[in-house]
Every structure is written in structure tokens, then in C-alpha cells.
Amino acid sequence: MVERAAWRGRSGGIDEKNLTARLRLAEWSGGLDHQVSVRQVAELMGCAKSAVEASDTRLRTAGWLQLIKAGVGKNSGPMRPSRSISGG
């Protein structure tokens, strides 16, 4: 489903890389729920943390990524890929 989505514009490529990195992390952790820092995702994607933060916001708004619980301080909250897995 991720590969078939229309990832338009410059930010679309970043969003696709973000979601792909998160799916890889979820696969490594053995489930869809994952908790990872913005820095770790940025390193996997090869981009700046600010790009990941903006992408996370776009992906949550579009329904591709679900924040399970808000993070505290510098700790990010756990997330779960949504539309990409369910096919919706």
C-alpha cells in the first residue's frame, strides 16, 4: 500500500521515506507499535530532524500514522502506522 500511494511533491518523498523507515522499525520490533526518537528516524532517512517532525505531522493528519500516547519531555510518544497496513 505504501508503494502504491501518490507521494506528490518534494514533501511526498520525505513522507514516503519516513513511513518506510517506521515500518522497518516496527518490523524489527515485532509489532506495529513503535517508539523511536525523531533523531533515529532522521538518521534512517538521511535528513534533518525538522524534516521528520514536519513529515510526522503530515502523516498523522493524512491518517498514515497514529500517535498512541503523547510523549513527555524529549521522549517521543509511541506511534503506529495505520492506513498503510490496513489498506484503507
PDB file of N, CA and C in Angstrom:
ATOM      1  N   MET A   1       0.819  -1.190   0.000  1.00  0.00           N
ATOM      2  CA  MET A   1       0.000   0.000   0.000  1.00  0.00           C
ATOM      3  C   MET A   1       0.868   1.260   0.000  1.00  0.00           C
ATOM      4  N   VAL A   2       1.946   1.266   0.751  1.00  0.00           N
ATOM      5  CA  VAL A   2       2.814   2.445   0.813  1.00  0.00           C
ATOM      6  C   VAL A   2       3.382   2.748  -0.572  1.00  0.00           C
ATOM      7  N   GLU A   3       3.816   1.719  -1.290  1.00  0.00           N
ATOM      8  CA  GLU A   3       4.413   1.920  -2.603  1.00  0.00           C
ATOM      9  C   GLU A   3       3.395   2.417  -3.624  1.00  0.00           C
ATOM     10  N   ARG A   4       2.123   2.097  -3.442  1.00  0.00           N
ATOM     11  CA  ARG A   4       1.092   2.481  -4.400  1.00  0.00           C
ATOM     12  C   ARG A   4       0.504   3.862  -4.133  1.00  0.00           C
ATOM     13  N   ALA A   5       0.787   4.434  -3.001  1.00  0.00           N
ATOM     14  CA  ALA A   5       0.238   5.753  -2.653  1.00  0.00           C
ATOM     15  C   ALA A   5       0.832   6.825  -3.563  1.00  0.00           C
ATOM     16  N   ALA A   6       0.084   7.875  -3.775  1.00  0.00           N
ATOM     17  CA  ALA A   6       0.563   9.005  -4.575  1.00  0.00           C
ATOM     18  C   ALA A   6       1.334   9.951  -3.661  1.00  0.00           C
ATOM     19  N   TRP A   7       2.654   9.852  -3.672  1.00  0.00           N
ATOM     20  CA  TRP A   7       3.503  10.699  -2.833  1.00  0.00           C
ATOM     21  C   TRP A   7       3.931  11.881  -3.678  1.00  0.00           C
ATOM     22  N   ARG A   8       3.138  12.937  -3.663  1.00  0.00           N
ATOM     23  CA  ARG A   8       3.346  14.092  -4.542  1.00  0.00           C
ATOM     24  C   ARG A   8       4.305  15.117  -3.939  1.00  0.00           C
ATOM     25  N   GLY A   9       5.018  15.772  -4.833  1.00  0.00           N
ATOM     26  CA  GLY A   9       5.869  16.892  -4.448  1.00  0.00           C
ATOM     27  C   GLY A   9       7.092  16.472  -3.653  1.00  0.00           C
ATOM     28  N   ARG A  10       7.848  17.477  -3.277  1.00  0.00           N
ATOM     29  CA  ARG A  10       9.088  17.249  -2.520  1.00  0.00           C
ATOM     30  C   ARG A  10       8.798  16.633  -1.155  1.00  0.00           C
ATOM     31  N   SER A  11       7.752  17.122  -0.482  1.00  0.00           N
ATOM     32  CA  SER A  11       7.437  16.585   0.840  1.00  0.00           C
ATOM     33  C   SER A  11       6.888  15.164   0.754  1.00  0.00           C
ATOM     34  N   GLY A  12       6.304  14.802  -0.388  1.00  0.00           N
ATOM     35  CA  GLY A  12       5.780  13.449  -0.554  1.00  0.00           C
ATOM     36  C   GLY A  12       6.881  12.399  -0.470  1.00  0.00           C
ATOM     37  N   GLY A  13       8.030  12.698  -1.060  1.00  0.00           N
ATOM     38  CA  GLY A  13       9.156  11.765  -0.993  1.00  0.00           C
ATOM     39  C   GLY A  13       9.669  11.604   0.431  1.00  0.00           C
ATOM     40  N   ILE A  14       9.679  12.695   1.179  1.00  0.00           N
ATOM     41  CA  ILE A  14      10.108  12.647   2.574  1.00  0.00           C
ATOM     42  C   ILE A  14       9.106  11.826   3.385  1.00  0.00           C
ATOM     43  N   ASP A  15       7.819  12.038   3.138  1.00  0.00           N
ATOM     44  CA  ASP A  15       6.790  11.294   3.871  1.00  0.00           C
ATOM     45  C   ASP A  15       6.887   9.794   3.585  1.00  0.00           C
ATOM     46  N   GLU A  16       7.126   9.442   2.334  1.00  0.00           N
ATOM     47  CA  GLU A  16       7.273   8.029   1.981  1.00  0.00           C
ATOM     48  C   GLU A  16       8.481   7.415   2.694  1.00  0.00           C
ATOM     49  N   LYS A  17       9.606   8.134   2.710  1.00  0.00           N
ATOM     50  CA  LYS A  17      10.803   7.636   3.408  1.00  0.00           C
ATOM     51  C   LYS A  17      10.540   7.487   4.905  1.00  0.00           C
ATOM     52  N   ASN A  18       9.830   8.445   5.487  1.00  0.00           N
ATOM     53  CA  ASN A  18       9.512   8.405   6.917  1.00  0.00           C
ATOM     54  C   ASN A  18       8.666   7.167   7.225  1.00  0.00           C
ATOM     55  N   LEU A  19       7.596   6.994   6.476  1.00  0.00           N
ATOM     56  CA  LEU A  19       6.715   5.863   6.735  1.00  0.00           C
ATOM     57  C   LEU A  19       7.428   4.532   6.503  1.00  0.00           C
ATOM     58  N   THR A  20       8.247   4.466   5.462  1.00  0.00           N
ATOM     59  CA  THR A  20       9.012   3.251   5.187  1.00  0.00           C
ATOM     60  C   THR A  20       9.983   2.951   6.326  1.00  0.00           C
ATOM     61  N   ALA A  21      10.657   3.985   6.838  1.00  0.00           N
ATOM     62  CA  ALA A  21      11.582   3.797   7.967  1.00  0.00           C
ATOM     63  C   ALA A  21      10.830   3.310   9.196  1.00  0.00           C
ATOM     64  N   ARG A  22       9.658   3.880   9.454  1.00  0.00           N
ATOM     65  CA  ARG A  22       8.864   3.467  10.623  1.00  0.00           C
ATOM     66  C   ARG A  22       8.351   2.038  10.473  1.00  0.00           C
ATOM     67  N   LEU A  23       7.978   1.654   9.259  1.00  0.00           N
ATOM     68  CA  LEU A  23       7.542   0.272   9.034  1.00  0.00           C
ATOM     69  C   LEU A  23       8.696  -0.706   9.251  1.00  0.00           C
ATOM     70  N   ARG A  24       9.887  -0.292   8.833  1.00  0.00           N
ATOM     71  CA  ARG A  24      11.078  -1.128   9.058  1.00  0.00           C
ATOM     72  C   ARG A  24      11.344  -1.280  10.554  1.00  0.00           C
ATOM     73  N   LEU A  25      11.259  -0.169  11.295  1.00  0.00           N
ATOM     74  CA  LEU A  25      11.456  -0.222  12.748  1.00  0.00           C
ATOM     75  C   LEU A  25      10.390  -1.086  13.417  1.00  0.00           C
ATOM     76  N   ALA A  26       9.162  -0.951  12.959  1.00  0.00           N
ATOM     77  CA  ALA A  26       8.076  -1.759  13.522  1.00  0.00           C
ATOM     78  C   ALA A  26       8.323  -3.239  13.250  1.00  0.00           C
ATOM     79  N   GLU A  27       8.801  -3.551  12.051  1.00  0.00           N
ATOM     80  CA  GLU A  27       9.105  -4.944  11.713  1.00  0.00           C
ATOM     81  C   GLU A  27      10.213  -5.483  12.614  1.00  0.00           C
ATOM     82  N   TRP A  28      11.253  -4.681  12.830  1.00  0.00           N
ATOM     83  CA  TRP A  28      12.359  -5.099  13.689  1.00  0.00           C
ATOM     84  C   TRP A  28      11.901  -5.313  15.130  1.00  0.00           C
ATOM     85  N   SER A  29      10.935  -4.496  15.576  1.00  0.00           N
ATOM     86  CA  SER A  29      10.482  -4.606  16.965  1.00  0.00           C
ATOM     87  C   SER A  29       9.428  -5.697  17.145  1.00  0.00           C
ATOM     88  N   GLY A  30       8.925  -6.242  16.047  1.00  0.00           N
ATOM     89  CA  GLY A  30       7.986  -7.354  16.149  1.00  0.00           C
ATOM     90  C   GLY A  30       6.523  -6.951  16.242  1.00  0.00           C
ATOM     91  N   GLY A  31       6.202  -5.697  15.987  1.00  0.00           N
ATOM     92  CA  GLY A  31       4.816  -5.247  16.024  1.00  0.00           C
ATOM     93  C   GLY A  31       4.697  -3.862  15.426  1.00  0.00           C
ATOM     94  N   LEU A  32       3.481  -3.429  15.169  1.00  0.00           N
ATOM     95  CA  LEU A  32       3.287  -2.124  14.540  1.00  0.00           C
ATOM     96  C   LEU A  32       3.583  -0.963  15.465  1.00  0.00           C
ATOM     97  N   ASP A  33       3.279  -1.111  16.749  1.00  0.00           N
ATOM     98  CA  ASP A  33       3.556  -0.036  17.705  1.00  0.00           C
ATOM     99  C   ASP A  33       5.061   0.110  17.871  1.00  0.00           C
ATOM    100  N   HIS A  34       5.534   1.333  17.832  1.00  0.00           N
ATOM    101  CA  HIS A  34       6.967   1.566  17.998  1.00  0.00           C
ATOM    102  C   HIS A  34       7.191   2.926  18.646  1.00  0.00           C
ATOM    103  N   GLN A  35       8.264   3.023  19.368  1.00  0.00           N
ATOM    104  CA  GLN A  35       8.652   4.292  19.996  1.00  0.00           C
ATOM    105  C   GLN A  35      10.095   4.544  19.609  1.00  0.00           C
ATOM    106  N   VAL A  36      10.286   5.623  18.895  1.00  0.00           N
ATOM    107  CA  VAL A  36      11.605   5.943  18.368  1.00  0.00           C
ATOM    108  C   VAL A  36      11.774   7.461  18.387  1.00  0.00           C
ATOM    109  N   SER A  37      12.974   7.909  18.575  1.00  0.00           N
ATOM    110  CA  SER A  37      13.204   9.358  18.597  1.00  0.00           C
ATOM    111  C   SER A  37      13.194   9.913  17.179  1.00  0.00           C
ATOM    112  N   VAL A  38      12.894  11.184  17.086  1.00  0.00           N
ATOM    113  CA  VAL A  38      12.941  11.882  15.804  1.00  0.00           C
ATOM    114  C   VAL A  38      14.342  11.773  15.216  1.00  0.00           C
ATOM    115  N   ARG A  39      15.346  11.877  16.059  1.00  0.00           N
ATOM    116  CA  ARG A  39      16.739  11.764  15.607  1.00  0.00           C
ATOM    117  C   ARG A  39      16.998  10.416  14.943  1.00  0.00           C
ATOM    118  N   GLN A  40      16.491   9.324  15.548  1.00  0.00           N
ATOM    119  CA  GLN A  40      16.706   7.993  14.977  1.00  0.00           C
ATOM    120  C   GLN A  40      16.044   7.865  13.609  1.00  0.00           C
ATOM    121  N   VAL A  41      14.821   8.379  13.478  1.00  0.00           N
ATOM    122  CA  VAL A  41      14.139   8.325  12.187  1.00  0.00           C
ATOM    123  C   VAL A  41      14.897   9.175  11.171  1.00  0.00           C
ATOM    124  N   ALA A  42      15.358  10.359  11.584  1.00  0.00           N
ATOM    125  CA  ALA A  42      16.121  11.234  10.687  1.00  0.00           C
ATOM    126  C   ALA A  42      17.389  10.539  10.194  1.00  0.00           C
ATOM    127  N   GLU A  43      18.065   9.817  11.077  1.00  0.00           N
ATOM    128  CA  GLU A  43      19.270   9.096  10.669  1.00  0.00           C
ATOM    129  C   GLU A  43      18.947   8.009   9.655  1.00  0.00           C
ATOM    130  N   LEU A  44      17.863   7.267   9.876  1.00  0.00           N
ATOM    131  CA  LEU A  44      17.455   6.231   8.922  1.00  0.00           C
ATOM    132  C   LEU A  44      17.100   6.833   7.567  1.00  0.00           C
ATOM    133  N   MET A  45      16.476   8.003   7.595  1.00  0.00           N
ATOM    134  CA  MET A  45      16.045   8.660   6.366  1.00  0.00           C
ATOM    135  C   MET A  45      17.156   9.449   5.694  1.00  0.00           C
ATOM    136  N   GLY A  46      18.176   9.826   6.458  1.00  0.00           N
ATOM    137  CA  GLY A  46      19.240  10.664   5.925  1.00  0.00           C
ATOM    138  C   GLY A  46      18.802  12.101   5.735  1.00  0.00           C
ATOM    139  N   CYS A  47      18.050  12.630   6.708  1.00  0.00           N
ATOM    140  CA  CYS A  47      17.571  14.011   6.603  1.00  0.00           C
ATOM    141  C   CYS A  47      17.606  14.681   7.974  1.00  0.00           C
ATOM    142  N   ALA A  48      17.191  15.931   8.013  1.00  0.00           N
ATOM    143  CA  ALA A  48      17.188  16.707   9.252  1.00  0.00           C
ATOM    144  C   ALA A  48      16.008  16.324  10.148  1.00  0.00           C
ATOM    145  N   LYS A  49      16.184  16.519  11.453  1.00  0.00           N
ATOM    146  CA  LYS A  49      15.100  16.253  12.407  1.00  0.00           C
ATOM    147  C   LYS A  49      13.872  17.092  12.098  1.00  0.00           C
ATOM    148  N   SER A  50      14.078  18.330  11.678  1.00  0.00           N
ATOM    149  CA  SER A  50      12.932  19.199  11.368  1.00  0.00           C
ATOM    150  C   SER A  50      12.096  18.628  10.225  1.00  0.00           C
ATOM    151  N   ALA A  51      12.744  17.959   9.273  1.00  0.00           N
ATOM    152  CA  ALA A  51      12.013  17.336   8.164  1.00  0.00           C
ATOM    153  C   ALA A  51      11.151  16.186   8.670  1.00  0.00           C
ATOM    154  N   VAL A  52      11.678  15.420   9.625  1.00  0.00           N
ATOM    155  CA  VAL A  52      10.918  14.308  10.211  1.00  0.00           C
ATOM    156  C   VAL A  52       9.726  14.845  11.001  1.00  0.00           C
ATOM    157  N   GLU A  53       9.949  15.887  11.787  1.00  0.00           N
ATOM    158  CA  GLU A  53       8.859  16.464  12.582  1.00  0.00           C
ATOM    159  C   GLU A  53       7.719  16.947  11.684  1.00  0.00           C
ATOM    160  N   ALA A  54       8.072  17.643  10.604  1.00  0.00           N
ATOM    161  CA  ALA A  54       7.048  18.135   9.670  1.00  0.00           C
ATOM    162  C   ALA A  54       6.354  16.965   8.983  1.00  0.00           C
ATOM    163  N   SER A  55       7.123  15.956   8.612  1.00  0.00           N
ATOM    164  CA  SER A  55       6.558  14.778   7.961  1.00  0.00           C
ATOM    165  C   SER A  55       5.626  14.023   8.902  1.00  0.00           C
ATOM    166  N   ASP A  56       6.024  13.861  10.167  1.00  0.00           N
ATOM    167  CA  ASP A  56       5.160  13.195  11.148  1.00  0.00           C
ATOM    168  C   ASP A  56       3.799  13.884  11.228  1.00  0.00           C
ATOM    169  N   THR A  57       3.824  15.205  11.235  1.00  0.00           N
ATOM    170  CA  THR A  57       2.576  15.973  11.303  1.00  0.00           C
ATOM    171  C   THR A  57       1.714  15.703  10.068  1.00  0.00           C
ATOM    172  N   ARG A  58       2.326  15.735   8.891  1.00  0.00           N
ATOM    173  CA  ARG A  58       1.573  15.467   7.656  1.00  0.00           C
ATOM    174  C   ARG A  58       1.020  14.051   7.648  1.00  0.00           C
ATOM    175  N   LEU A  59       1.832  13.081   8.067  1.00  0.00           N
ATOM    176  CA  LEU A  59       1.388  11.677   8.058  1.00  0.00           C
ATOM    177  C   LEU A  59       0.253  11.444   9.058  1.00  0.00           C
ATOM    178  N   ARG A  60       0.319  12.082  10.222  1.00  0.00           N
ATOM    179  CA  ARG A  60      -0.781  11.953  11.202  1.00  0.00           C
ATOM    180  C   ARG A  60      -2.052  12.595  10.658  1.00  0.00           C
ATOM    181  N   THR A  61      -1.924  13.780  10.061  1.00  0.00           N
ATOM    182  CA  THR A  61      -3.086  14.476   9.501  1.00  0.00           C
ATOM    183  C   THR A  61      -3.739  13.657   8.385  1.00  0.00           C
ATOM    184  N   ALA A  62      -2.924  12.999   7.568  1.00  0.00           N
ATOM    185  CA  ALA A  62      -3.434  12.209   6.446  1.00  0.00           C
ATOM    186  C   ALA A  62      -3.922  10.821   6.868  1.00  0.00           C
ATOM    187  N   GLY A  63      -3.700  10.457   8.135  1.00  0.00           N
ATOM    188  CA  GLY A  63      -4.157   9.160   8.612  1.00  0.00           C
ATOM    189  C   GLY A  63      -3.201   8.006   8.384  1.00  0.00           C
ATOM    190  N   TRP A  64      -1.969   8.292   7.977  1.00  0.00           N
ATOM    191  CA  TRP A  64      -0.978   7.238   7.760  1.00  0.00           C
ATOM    192  C   TRP A  64      -0.278   6.817   9.054  1.00  0.00           C
ATOM    193  N   LEU A  65      -0.266   7.702  10.028  1.00  0.00           N
ATOM    194  CA  LEU A  65       0.474   7.463  11.268  1.00  0.00           C
ATOM    195  C   LEU A  65      -0.393   7.890  12.444  1.00  0.00           C
ATOM    196  N   GLN A  66      -0.441   7.059  13.459  1.00  0.00           N
ATOM    197  CA  GLN A  66      -1.274   7.333  14.636  1.00  0.00           C
ATOM    198  C   GLN A  66      -0.394   7.471  15.868  1.00  0.00           C
ATOM    199  N   LEU A  67      -0.544   8.594  16.571  1.00  0.00           N
ATOM    200  CA  LEU A  67       0.131   8.791  17.853  1.00  0.00           C
ATOM    201  C   LEU A  67      -0.692   8.076  18.914  1.00  0.00           C
ATOM    202  N   ILE A  68      -0.109   7.105  19.587  1.00  0.00           N
ATOM    203  CA  ILE A  68      -0.832   6.312  20.578  1.00  0.00           C
ATOM    204  C   ILE A  68      -0.945   7.060  21.895  1.00  0.00           C
ATOM    205  N   LYS A  69       0.148   7.679  22.308  1.00  0.00           N
ATOM    206  CA  LYS A  69       0.184   8.410  23.574  1.00  0.00           C
ATOM    207  C   LYS A  69       1.225   9.507  23.444  1.00  0.00           C
ATOM    208  N   ALA A  70       0.888  10.697  23.926  1.00  0.00           N
ATOM    209  CA  ALA A  70       1.820  11.823  23.823  1.00  0.00           C
ATOM    210  C   ALA A  70       3.098  11.539  24.602  1.00  0.00           C
ATOM    211  N   GLY A  71       4.219  11.971  24.050  1.00  0.00           N
ATOM    212  CA  GLY A  71       5.491  11.827  24.726  1.00  0.00           C
ATOM    213  C   GLY A  71       5.647  12.870  25.822  1.00  0.00           C
ATOM    214  N   VAL A  72       6.647  12.661  26.672  1.00  0.00           N
ATOM    215  CA  VAL A  72       6.914  13.575  27.776  1.00  0.00           C
ATOM    216  C   VAL A  72       8.344  14.082  27.646  1.00  0.00           C
ATOM    217  N   GLY A  73       8.500  15.398  27.726  1.00  0.00           N
ATOM    218  CA  GLY A  73       9.838  15.979  27.613  1.00  0.00           C
ATOM    219  C   GLY A  73      10.450  15.707  26.259  1.00  0.00           C
ATOM    220  N   LYS A  74      11.667  15.171  26.253  1.00  0.00           N
ATOM    221  CA  LYS A  74      12.355  14.863  25.000  1.00  0.00           C
ATOM    222  C   LYS A  74      11.989  13.490  24.461  1.00  0.00           C
ATOM    223  N   ASN A  75      11.197  12.741  25.202  1.00  0.00           N
ATOM    224  CA  ASN A  75      10.817  11.394  24.771  1.00  0.00           C
ATOM    225  C   ASN A  75       9.613  11.456  23.843  1.00  0.00           C
ATOM    226  N   SER A  76       9.740  10.813  22.705  1.00  0.00           N
ATOM    227  CA  SER A  76       8.629  10.782  21.762  1.00  0.00           C
ATOM    228  C   SER A  76       7.607   9.752  22.215  1.00  0.00           C
ATOM    229  N   GLY A  77       6.362   9.992  21.883  1.00  0.00           N
ATOM    230  CA  GLY A  77       5.307   9.050  22.224  1.00  0.00           C
ATOM    231  C   GLY A  77       5.285   7.889  21.249  1.00  0.00           C
ATOM    232  N   PRO A  78       4.749   6.764  21.667  1.00  0.00           N
ATOM    233  CA  PRO A  78       4.663   5.611  20.758  1.00  0.00           C
ATOM    234  C   PRO A  78       3.706   5.901  19.602  1.00  0.00           C
ATOM    235  N   MET A  79       4.047   5.367  18.431  1.00  0.00           N
ATOM    236  CA  MET A  79       3.234   5.568  17.237  1.00  0.00           C
ATOM    237  C   MET A  79       2.928   4.227  16.595  1.00  0.00           C
ATOM    238  N   ARG A  80       1.975   4.280  15.659  1.00  0.00           N
ATOM    239  CA  ARG A  80       1.582   3.071  14.941  1.00  0.00           C
ATOM    240  C   ARG A  80       1.228   3.475  13.504  1.00  0.00           C
ATOM    241  N   PRO A  81       1.820   2.799  12.503  1.00  0.00           N
ATOM    242  CA  PRO A  81       1.360   3.025  11.133  1.00  0.00           C
ATOM    243  C   PRO A  81      -0.085   2.577  11.026  1.00  0.00           C
ATOM    244  N   SER A  82      -0.912   3.305  10.298  1.00  0.00           N
ATOM    245  CA  SER A  82      -2.316   2.941  10.249  1.00  0.00           C
ATOM    246  C   SER A  82      -2.793   2.621   8.844  1.00  0.00           C
ATOM    247  N   ARG A  83      -3.085   3.605   8.032  1.00  0.00           N
ATOM    248  CA  ARG A  83      -3.627   3.358   6.691  1.00  0.00           C
ATOM    249  C   ARG A  83      -2.778   2.422   5.875  1.00  0.00           C
ATOM    250  N   SER A  84      -1.464   2.534   5.992  1.00  0.00           N
ATOM    251  CA  SER A  84      -0.549   1.753   5.159  1.00  0.00           C
ATOM    252  C   SER A  84      -0.692   0.257   5.393  1.00  0.00           C
ATOM    253  N   ILE A  85      -1.052  -0.132   6.593  1.00  0.00           N
ATOM    254  CA  ILE A  85      -1.161  -1.545   6.926  1.00  0.00           C
ATOM    255  C   ILE A  85      -2.557  -2.072   6.648  1.00  0.00           C
ATOM    256  N   SER A  86      -3.556  -1.277   7.011  1.00  0.00           N
ATOM    257  CA  SER A  86      -4.926  -1.743   6.869  1.00  0.00           C
ATOM    258  C   SER A  86      -5.419  -1.683   5.435  1.00  0.00           C
ATOM    259  N   GLY A  87      -4.698  -0.941   4.601  1.00  0.00           N
ATOM    260  CA  GLY A  87      -5.112  -0.820   3.224  1.00  0.00           C
ATOM    261  C   GLY A  87      -6.183   0.225   3.015  1.00  0.00           C
ATOM    262  N   GLY A  88      -6.527   1.001   4.070  1.00  0.00           N
ATOM    263  CA  GLY A  88      -7.589   1.993   3.962  1.00  0.00           C
ATOM    264  C   GLY A  88      -7.071   3.260   3.630  1.00  0.00           C
TER     265      GLY A  88
END
